[in-house]
Amino acid sequence: MSLPVIRIAEAGKYEGQDVELRGWLYNKRSSGKLHFLQVRDGSAIIQAVLFKGDVTPELFERADKLGQETSLIVRGTVKADRRSALGFELGVKDVQVIQEARDYPITPKEHGVAYLMEHRHLWLRSSRQHVILRVRHTIEKAIRDFFDQDGFTLVDAPIFTPAACEGTSTLFEVPYFDMGKAYLTQSGQLYMEAAAMAFGKAYCFGPTFRAEKSKTRRHLTEFWMVEPEVAFMSLEEDMVLAERFISFIVQRVLEKHEKELVDVLERDVSKLKNVVPPFPRITYTEAIEYLQKAGHPAKWGDDFGGDEETVLANQFDRPVIVHRYPAEMKAFYFRHDPANPQVALGMDVLAPEGYGEIIGGGERESDMATLEDRIQKHNLPMDAFKWYLDLRRYGTVPHAGFGLGVERTVAWVCGLHHVRETIPFARMMERITP
């Protein structure tokens, strides 16, 4: 009679029963007549106890020599064990070796980050990386759940685009058949504006690319972004959507991963529990005043980098929304404030604890003549934006949206120093492998 094949995370449902587990040897230790095999299968880790009297002498001797990450099929009885993090262990009756691994490169000793990044394909198996990417999975699921439940339609944006959507970023050029150059997208926003005019509420979720030669801990060359866009939405309503969205994500992660965040990543989750609406809101002008009071030499018209964002965010116990930046600092598509045309109706959400901007967005310019003038002033190719101007020609309405970077959000929620651990295979200025 064949045994039920189970995932380790489900072991509690089979207490007292014989089962079959399929996985890899994470670690092991021996104590005379016992071998303690730490077996992982991607869902959890269980201690499989091999007693000399329960198996053949040949199997007991071979088990003592198995290398880390040897692939195995283990059969035995699920038993309760309060000392185990899982709450259960496996009394082993048989072990079948699928492939015996030798000299696994990532041992329990300390390794440098450069070495670990070279072995990223294997580093993913470690408990720390496992938790980080499980949290990323939960965040991505929460993103989709939030917008799906809120009446949005997912509309996929193209990755090849004919021109920059902002005119300020360095893009990756790609030869595009006989049509000349195309570019890897830096944002799906312009296409979401078209989608919002069709569906009212739309979002895209996919990879984006920036070719800036940046080596900071907050930047990747390839990263994932979610970008909602809503017709008839103002800046004020955009800020409410952003704070609801971020709070939903963080609370979902705490609901599913609080213990892992604390035990494995040593994250102070009390700071995440503060992430509930309403978020504090300050204008850019007020932000300059905050910086100056903190001894920072910032003046009106200066852009904010990591240092400025950190000083500002440290003034609050949850994310802070900075809005109405100088119009000259923002892309051509931002609507200017009718009450003060020097500022744009844009906003950034800054995460606390030094993680900086996780959301950027605002209200879009809906007047066609104004947009045409801006495109010319920014020296952008008018032909590439004919379709975009059509959105103002045929039923234009006020609208707004934003973009959230997944990797920065994962870094903040997990309390990581660098975004390179937040994505399975990081692409940075100096790295394109593995």
Protein backbone atom coordinates (compact mmCIF):
# COMPACT_ATOMS: atom_id res chain seq x y z
CA MET A 1 0.00 0.00 0.00
CA SER A 2 1.45 3.34 -1.02
CA LEU A 3 1.87 6.05 1.61
CA PRO A 4 0.34 9.52 1.32
CA VAL A 5 2.87 11.95 -0.18
CA ILE A 6 2.65 15.14 1.87
CA ARG A 7 4.24 18.58 2.14
CA ILE A 8 6.11 19.11 5.39
CA ALA A 9 3.96 22.12 6.30
CA GLU A 10 0.96 19.74 6.36
CA ALA A 11 2.59 17.24 8.72
CA GLY A 12 0.31 18.15 11.63
CA LYS A 13 -2.68 16.75 9.76
CA TYR A 14 -1.05 13.30 9.72
CA GLU A 15 0.01 12.83 13.34
CA GLY A 16 0.44 9.13 14.09
CA GLN A 17 0.32 8.17 10.41
CA ASP A 18 3.02 6.87 8.09
CA VAL A 19 3.77 9.32 5.27
CA GLU A 20 6.23 9.98 2.48
CA LEU A 21 8.21 13.25 2.25
CA ARG A 22 10.20 14.40 -0.78
CA GLY A 23 12.89 17.01 -0.31
CA TRP A 24 16.51 17.85 0.45
CA LEU A 25 18.87 17.43 3.37
CA TYR A 26 19.20 20.87 4.97
CA ASN A 27 21.46 19.83 7.85
CA LYS A 28 22.20 16.85 10.07
CA ARG A 29 23.78 15.76 13.34
CA SER A 30 24.41 12.39 14.92
CA SER A 31 24.29 11.07 18.47
CA GLY A 32 25.40 7.48 18.79
CA LYS A 33 22.47 5.35 17.66
CA LEU A 34 20.53 8.33 16.27
CA HIS A 35 20.84 10.52 13.17
CA PHE A 36 18.86 13.77 13.15
CA LEU A 37 18.21 14.77 9.56
CA GLN A 38 16.84 18.25 8.90
CA VAL A 39 14.77 17.78 5.75
CA ARG A 40 13.25 20.64 3.77
CA ASP A 41 10.81 20.50 0.87
CA GLY A 42 10.15 24.18 0.19
CA SER A 43 7.14 24.41 2.49
CA ALA A 44 8.93 23.89 5.83
CA ILE A 45 11.72 21.98 7.58
CA ILE A 46 11.17 18.86 9.69
CA GLN A 47 13.52 16.84 11.85
CA ALA A 48 13.62 13.26 10.63
CA VAL A 49 14.93 10.98 13.39
CA LEU A 50 16.76 7.87 12.18
CA PHE A 51 17.14 5.25 14.94
CA LYS A 52 19.72 2.55 14.32
CA GLY A 53 17.32 -0.22 15.30
CA ASP A 54 14.60 0.91 12.85
CA VAL A 55 16.59 0.67 9.61
CA THR A 56 19.18 -1.57 8.00
CA PRO A 57 22.83 -1.16 9.11
CA GLU A 58 23.74 -0.13 5.55
CA LEU A 59 21.14 2.66 5.49
CA PHE A 60 22.14 3.91 8.95
CA GLU A 61 25.78 4.09 7.92
CA ARG A 62 25.01 5.79 4.61
CA ALA A 63 22.78 8.40 6.28
CA ASP A 64 25.73 9.47 8.41
CA LYS A 65 27.69 10.38 5.28
CA LEU A 66 25.02 12.25 3.29
CA GLY A 67 26.05 15.68 2.12
CA GLN A 68 24.10 18.92 2.55
CA GLU A 69 21.38 19.32 -0.13
CA THR A 70 21.28 15.63 -1.01
CA SER A 71 17.84 14.98 -2.51
CA LEU A 72 15.79 12.38 -0.62
CA ILE A 73 12.53 10.53 -0.27
CA VAL A 74 11.89 9.86 3.42
CA ARG A 75 9.19 7.57 4.79
CA GLY A 76 8.15 7.37 8.39
CA THR A 77 5.67 8.22 11.15
CA VAL A 78 4.62 11.76 12.03
CA LYS A 79 5.03 12.39 15.77
CA ALA A 80 4.24 15.42 17.92
CA ASP A 81 7.29 17.24 19.27
CA ARG A 82 6.80 20.47 21.23
CA ARG A 83 10.49 21.34 21.01
CA SER A 84 10.27 21.58 17.23
CA ALA A 85 9.39 24.89 15.55
CA LEU A 86 7.03 22.86 13.37
CA GLY A 87 5.55 21.03 16.38
CA PHE A 88 6.20 17.63 14.80
CA GLU A 89 9.03 15.32 13.81
CA LEU A 90 9.29 12.22 11.63
CA GLY A 91 10.26 8.80 12.96
CA VAL A 92 12.14 7.42 9.95
CA LYS A 93 11.50 3.95 8.59
CA ASP A 94 13.17 4.32 5.19
CA VAL A 95 15.31 6.80 3.25
CA GLN A 96 15.72 6.71 -0.50
CA VAL A 97 18.59 8.82 -1.86
CA ILE A 98 17.77 10.43 -5.22
CA GLN A 99 21.07 12.24 -5.78
CA GLU A 100 23.88 12.49 -3.27
CA ALA A 101 25.27 16.03 -3.16
CA ARG A 102 28.92 16.63 -2.29
CA ASP A 103 30.80 19.81 -1.35
CA TYR A 104 27.75 22.09 -1.38
CA PRO A 105 29.18 25.62 -1.86
CA ILE A 106 27.07 27.39 0.80
CA THR A 107 27.89 25.85 4.17
CA PRO A 108 26.61 26.96 7.59
CA LYS A 109 29.72 29.15 8.01
CA GLU A 110 29.71 32.87 7.16
CA HIS A 111 30.03 33.86 3.49
CA GLY A 112 30.49 37.29 1.95
CA VAL A 113 27.64 38.91 0.05
CA ALA A 114 29.58 38.86 -3.25
CA TYR A 115 30.12 35.10 -2.91
CA LEU A 116 26.47 34.53 -2.04
CA MET A 117 25.29 36.61 -5.01
CA GLU A 118 27.52 34.53 -7.31
CA HIS A 119 25.69 31.49 -5.94
CA ARG A 120 22.27 33.12 -5.83
CA HIS A 121 20.70 30.10 -7.53
CA LEU A 122 21.68 28.07 -4.46
CA TRP A 123 21.40 30.86 -1.85
CA LEU A 124 17.65 30.85 -2.46
CA ARG A 125 17.51 27.58 -0.47
CA SER A 126 18.65 29.19 2.80
CA SER A 127 16.08 29.87 5.53
CA ARG A 128 16.61 33.65 5.44
CA GLN A 129 16.18 33.94 1.69
CA HIS A 130 13.25 31.58 1.88
CA VAL A 131 11.41 33.88 4.29
CA ILE A 132 12.18 36.98 2.23
CA LEU A 133 10.81 35.49 -0.97
CA ARG A 134 7.78 34.06 0.80
CA VAL A 135 7.05 37.57 2.08
CA ARG A 136 7.51 38.86 -1.47
CA HIS A 137 4.99 36.27 -2.65
CA THR A 138 2.51 37.44 -0.02
CA ILE A 139 3.04 41.09 -0.98
CA GLU A 140 2.45 40.36 -4.66
CA LYS A 141 -0.68 38.36 -3.82
CA ALA A 142 -1.91 41.17 -1.53
CA ILE A 143 -1.35 43.71 -4.32
CA ARG A 144 -3.56 41.75 -6.69
CA ASP A 145 -6.16 41.05 -4.01
CA PHE A 146 -6.42 44.72 -3.04
CA PHE A 147 -7.03 46.00 -6.56
CA ASP A 148 -9.18 43.06 -7.61
CA GLN A 149 -11.42 43.59 -4.58
CA ASP A 150 -11.52 47.35 -5.20
CA GLY A 151 -13.03 47.11 -8.67
CA PHE A 152 -9.85 47.51 -10.74
CA THR A 153 -9.16 45.67 -13.99
CA LEU A 154 -5.67 44.28 -14.60
CA VAL A 155 -4.42 45.57 -17.98
CA ASP A 156 -0.95 44.44 -19.04
CA ALA A 157 1.31 47.22 -20.33
CA PRO A 158 3.92 46.61 -23.07
CA ILE A 159 7.58 46.17 -22.19
CA PHE A 160 8.79 47.58 -25.53
CA THR A 161 8.00 51.29 -25.87
CA PRO A 162 8.78 53.86 -28.59
CA ALA A 163 10.01 56.60 -26.21
CA ALA A 164 10.67 57.52 -22.61
CA CYS A 165 7.58 58.39 -20.61
CA GLU A 166 9.43 60.94 -18.50
CA GLY A 167 12.37 62.17 -20.51
CA THR A 168 14.65 62.09 -17.45
CA SER A 169 15.67 58.45 -17.15
CA THR A 170 18.31 56.59 -19.09
CA LEU A 171 16.67 53.74 -20.97
CA PHE A 172 17.87 50.49 -22.47
CA GLU A 173 17.82 50.70 -26.26
CA VAL A 174 16.73 47.68 -28.28
CA PRO A 175 16.91 47.35 -32.10
CA TYR A 176 13.35 46.86 -33.31
CA PHE A 177 13.31 45.25 -36.78
CA ASP A 178 13.14 47.92 -39.52
CA MET A 179 11.48 50.48 -37.28
CA GLY A 180 14.67 51.72 -35.60
CA LYS A 181 15.05 51.79 -31.84
CA ALA A 182 12.68 50.70 -29.12
CA TYR A 183 13.22 50.94 -25.37
CA LEU A 184 12.62 48.68 -22.40
CA THR A 185 9.84 50.29 -20.41
CA GLN A 186 10.52 52.41 -17.35
CA SER A 187 6.80 52.55 -16.51
CA GLY A 188 3.42 51.38 -17.72
CA GLN A 189 1.71 54.54 -16.53
CA LEU A 190 0.91 56.18 -19.86
CA TYR A 191 -0.74 52.97 -21.03
CA MET A 192 -2.70 52.77 -17.79
CA GLU A 193 -4.07 56.23 -18.51
CA ALA A 194 -5.52 54.75 -21.71
CA ALA A 195 -6.82 51.78 -19.71
CA ALA A 196 -8.43 54.06 -17.13
CA MET A 197 -10.33 55.85 -19.87
CA ALA A 198 -11.65 52.45 -20.98
CA PHE A 199 -12.28 50.75 -17.62
CA GLY A 200 -12.47 53.60 -15.12
CA LYS A 201 -10.09 51.83 -12.70
CA ALA A 202 -7.13 49.86 -14.07
CA TYR A 203 -3.71 48.65 -12.99
CA CYS A 204 -0.67 46.98 -14.49
CA PHE A 205 1.87 44.84 -12.69
CA GLY A 206 5.16 43.84 -14.28
CA PRO A 207 8.89 44.38 -14.74
CA THR A 208 10.35 47.80 -15.47
CA PHE A 209 13.89 48.85 -16.39
CA ARG A 210 16.14 51.82 -15.62
CA ALA A 211 19.61 52.18 -17.10
CA GLU A 212 21.01 54.74 -14.65
CA LYS A 213 24.50 53.87 -13.46
CA SER A 214 23.44 53.69 -9.85
CA LYS A 215 24.99 51.49 -7.18
CA THR A 216 22.93 52.53 -4.16
CA ARG A 217 21.26 50.02 -1.86
CA ARG A 218 17.83 51.19 -3.07
CA HIS A 219 18.27 50.68 -6.82
CA LEU A 220 18.03 47.79 -9.25
CA THR A 221 18.30 47.80 -13.03
CA GLU A 222 15.26 45.54 -13.38
CA PHE A 223 12.47 45.79 -10.83
CA TRP A 224 8.75 45.13 -10.52
CA MET A 225 6.16 47.85 -10.25
CA VAL A 226 2.40 48.01 -9.82
CA GLU A 227 0.68 51.07 -11.29
CA PRO A 228 -3.00 51.83 -10.70
CA GLU A 229 -4.77 54.63 -12.61
CA VAL A 230 -8.28 55.95 -11.93
CA ALA A 231 -10.53 58.19 -14.00
CA PHE A 232 -12.17 61.16 -12.23
CA MET A 233 -9.65 60.90 -9.36
CA SER A 234 -8.03 63.91 -7.67
CA LEU A 235 -4.69 64.13 -5.88
CA GLU A 236 -6.44 63.98 -2.52
CA GLU A 237 -8.27 60.78 -3.48
CA ASP A 238 -5.00 59.37 -4.86
CA MET A 239 -3.35 59.83 -1.48
CA VAL A 240 -6.23 58.05 0.26
CA LEU A 241 -5.92 55.14 -2.19
CA ALA A 242 -2.16 54.93 -1.56
CA GLU A 243 -2.44 54.80 2.22
CA ARG A 244 -5.24 52.23 2.10
CA PHE A 245 -3.15 50.14 -0.29
CA ILE A 246 0.06 50.19 1.74
CA SER A 247 -1.77 49.45 4.97
CA PHE A 248 -3.53 46.47 3.36
CA ILE A 249 -0.21 45.01 2.18
CA VAL A 250 1.59 45.42 5.51
CA GLN A 251 -1.25 44.02 7.59
CA ARG A 252 -1.53 41.01 5.25
CA VAL A 253 2.20 40.29 5.71
CA LEU A 254 1.91 40.55 9.49
CA GLU A 255 -1.08 38.22 9.43
CA LYS A 256 0.87 35.52 7.56
CA HIS A 257 4.52 36.06 8.48
CA GLU A 258 4.89 37.86 11.81
CA LYS A 259 6.66 34.92 13.50
CA GLU A 260 9.07 34.41 10.59
CA LEU A 261 9.86 38.13 10.45
CA VAL A 262 10.77 38.10 14.13
CA ASP A 263 12.47 34.70 14.44
CA VAL A 264 14.42 34.56 11.16
CA LEU A 265 14.84 38.18 10.02
CA GLU A 266 14.88 39.71 13.53
CA ARG A 267 12.47 42.39 12.32
CA ASP A 268 10.94 44.82 14.84
CA VAL A 269 7.32 44.29 13.80
CA SER A 270 5.98 46.88 16.27
CA LYS A 271 6.93 49.53 13.72
CA LEU A 272 4.95 47.74 11.02
CA LYS A 273 1.88 47.55 13.25
CA ASN A 274 1.74 51.36 13.16
CA VAL A 275 1.14 51.29 9.40
CA VAL A 276 -2.54 52.17 9.42
CA PRO A 277 -4.40 55.16 7.90
CA PRO A 278 -4.39 58.04 8.05
CA PHE A 279 -0.77 58.75 7.14
CA PRO A 280 0.69 62.17 7.97
CA ARG A 281 0.73 64.51 4.96
CA ILE A 282 3.04 67.44 4.42
CA THR A 283 3.64 69.68 1.43
CA TYR A 284 7.05 69.86 -0.19
CA THR A 285 7.39 73.38 1.28
CA GLU A 286 6.69 72.02 4.76
CA ALA A 287 9.17 69.22 4.10
CA ILE A 288 11.89 71.79 3.42
CA GLU A 289 11.05 73.42 6.76
CA TYR A 290 11.31 70.04 8.52
CA LEU A 291 14.72 69.46 6.94
CA GLN A 292 16.01 72.91 7.87
CA LYS A 293 14.85 72.48 11.48
CA ALA A 294 16.77 69.20 11.56
CA GLY A 295 19.93 71.04 10.48
CA HIS A 296 19.84 69.95 6.84
CA PRO A 297 20.94 72.63 4.32
CA ALA A 298 18.00 71.96 1.96
CA LYS A 299 16.35 74.87 0.20
CA TRP A 300 13.18 75.22 -1.85
CA GLY A 301 13.70 73.75 -5.32
CA ASP A 302 16.13 71.02 -4.22
CA ASP A 303 15.28 67.44 -5.10
CA PHE A 304 15.14 64.87 -2.33
CA GLY A 305 17.60 61.99 -2.26
CA GLY A 306 17.99 59.16 0.21
CA ASP A 307 19.41 61.36 2.97
CA GLU A 308 16.58 63.89 2.80
CA GLU A 309 13.92 61.19 2.63
CA THR A 310 15.39 59.47 5.69
CA VAL A 311 15.43 62.67 7.76
CA LEU A 312 11.82 63.40 6.83
CA ALA A 313 10.51 59.88 7.40
CA ASN A 314 12.21 59.68 10.81
CA GLN A 315 9.92 62.46 12.04
CA PHE A 316 6.93 60.09 11.92
CA ASP A 317 5.89 56.66 13.23
CA ARG A 318 4.40 55.49 9.91
CA PRO A 319 4.81 56.36 6.22
CA VAL A 320 4.52 60.05 5.41
CA ILE A 321 3.06 61.53 2.21
CA VAL A 322 4.91 64.51 0.74
CA HIS A 323 2.87 66.33 -1.90
CA ARG A 324 2.98 69.35 -4.21
CA TYR A 325 6.60 69.28 -5.33
CA PRO A 326 8.05 72.06 -7.53
CA ALA A 327 6.60 71.64 -11.01
CA GLU A 328 10.05 71.85 -12.60
CA MET A 329 11.08 68.66 -10.80
CA LYS A 330 8.20 66.59 -12.14
CA ALA A 331 7.52 64.87 -15.47
CA PHE A 332 5.58 66.61 -18.22
CA TYR A 333 2.32 64.78 -17.54
CA PHE A 334 1.75 66.11 -13.99
CA ARG A 335 -1.05 68.61 -13.57
CA HIS A 336 0.07 71.88 -11.98
CA ASP A 337 -1.79 73.16 -8.95
CA PRO A 338 -4.33 75.80 -10.12
CA ALA A 339 -3.88 77.55 -6.76
CA ASN A 340 -0.10 77.70 -7.21
CA PRO A 341 1.23 76.80 -10.70
CA GLN A 342 4.77 76.61 -9.30
CA VAL A 343 3.95 73.22 -7.80
CA ALA A 344 2.68 70.00 -9.36
CA LEU A 345 -0.15 67.89 -8.00
CA GLY A 346 2.20 65.01 -7.28
CA MET A 347 2.95 63.00 -4.16
CA ASP A 348 5.50 60.55 -2.81
CA VAL A 349 4.97 58.10 0.03
CA LEU A 350 8.12 57.77 2.12
CA ALA A 351 8.58 54.66 4.23
CA PRO A 352 10.03 55.05 7.72
CA GLU A 353 13.31 53.62 9.02
CA GLY A 354 15.40 54.96 6.13
CA TYR A 355 13.71 53.10 3.26
CA GLY A 356 12.67 56.19 1.32
CA GLU A 357 10.17 56.50 -1.50
CA ILE A 358 8.01 53.44 -2.08
CA ILE A 359 5.22 55.20 -4.00
CA GLY A 360 5.32 58.06 -6.47
CA GLY A 361 2.32 59.45 -8.31
CA GLY A 362 -0.24 62.17 -8.59
CA GLU A 363 -2.83 63.85 -10.75
CA ARG A 364 -2.25 63.92 -14.53
CA GLU A 365 -2.66 66.87 -16.88
CA SER A 366 -5.94 66.41 -18.75
CA ASP A 367 -5.75 69.43 -21.11
CA MET A 368 -4.43 68.60 -24.59
CA ALA A 369 -2.96 72.02 -25.45
CA THR A 370 -1.06 72.12 -22.17
CA LEU A 371 0.32 68.63 -22.75
CA GLU A 372 1.45 69.47 -26.30
CA ASP A 373 3.32 72.48 -24.96
CA ARG A 374 4.99 70.39 -22.24
CA ILE A 375 6.06 67.66 -24.67
CA GLN A 376 7.78 70.29 -26.81
CA LYS A 377 9.46 71.94 -23.83
CA HIS A 378 10.80 68.58 -22.66
CA ASN A 379 12.17 67.88 -26.17
CA LEU A 380 10.18 64.67 -26.47
CA PRO A 381 9.19 63.25 -29.89
CA MET A 382 5.64 64.42 -30.60
CA ASP A 383 4.98 61.49 -32.95
CA ALA A 384 5.54 59.00 -30.14
CA PHE A 385 2.84 60.69 -28.06
CA LYS A 386 0.09 61.10 -30.68
CA TRP A 387 -1.86 58.22 -29.18
CA TYR A 388 -1.41 59.70 -25.69
CA LEU A 389 -2.80 63.04 -26.84
CA ASP A 390 -5.83 61.21 -28.26
CA LEU A 391 -6.81 60.46 -24.67
CA ARG A 392 -7.26 64.22 -24.19
CA ARG A 393 -8.94 64.66 -27.56
CA TYR A 394 -11.66 62.07 -27.02
CA GLY A 395 -13.43 62.34 -23.67
CA THR A 396 -10.69 63.69 -21.40
CA VAL A 397 -11.34 63.69 -17.65
CA PRO A 398 -9.30 64.43 -14.51
CA HIS A 399 -7.42 61.30 -13.46
CA ALA A 400 -4.64 60.18 -11.13
CA GLY A 401 -2.56 57.20 -10.15
CA PHE A 402 0.77 56.06 -8.79
CA GLY A 403 3.48 53.43 -8.97
CA LEU A 404 4.72 51.21 -6.15
CA GLY A 405 8.09 49.48 -6.36
CA VAL A 406 7.83 45.91 -5.10
CA GLU A 407 11.49 45.50 -4.15
CA ARG A 408 11.68 48.63 -1.99
CA THR A 409 8.46 47.57 -0.31
CA VAL A 410 9.83 44.09 0.42
CA ALA A 411 13.08 45.61 1.75
CA TRP A 412 11.15 47.89 4.11
CA VAL A 413 8.71 45.26 5.35
CA CYS A 414 11.51 42.71 5.93
CA GLY A 415 13.94 45.26 7.36
CA LEU A 416 16.66 44.52 4.77
CA HIS A 417 19.67 46.74 4.16
CA HIS A 418 19.83 46.21 0.38
CA VAL A 419 17.21 45.53 -2.30
CA ARG A 420 19.36 42.81 -3.90
CA GLU A 421 17.87 40.22 -1.50
CA THR A 422 14.27 41.16 -2.36
CA ILE A 423 14.21 39.71 -5.87
CA PRO A 424 15.07 36.13 -6.86
CA PHE A 425 17.81 37.10 -9.33
CA ALA A 426 18.98 40.69 -8.96
CA ARG A 427 20.00 42.72 -12.00
CA MET A 428 22.29 45.57 -11.07
CA MET A 429 24.82 47.74 -12.82
CA GLU A 430 27.61 45.24 -12.12
CA ARG A 431 25.56 42.03 -12.17
CA ILE A 432 23.61 40.11 -14.82
CA THR A 433 24.30 36.55 -13.57
CA PRO A 434 23.22 34.05 -12.45
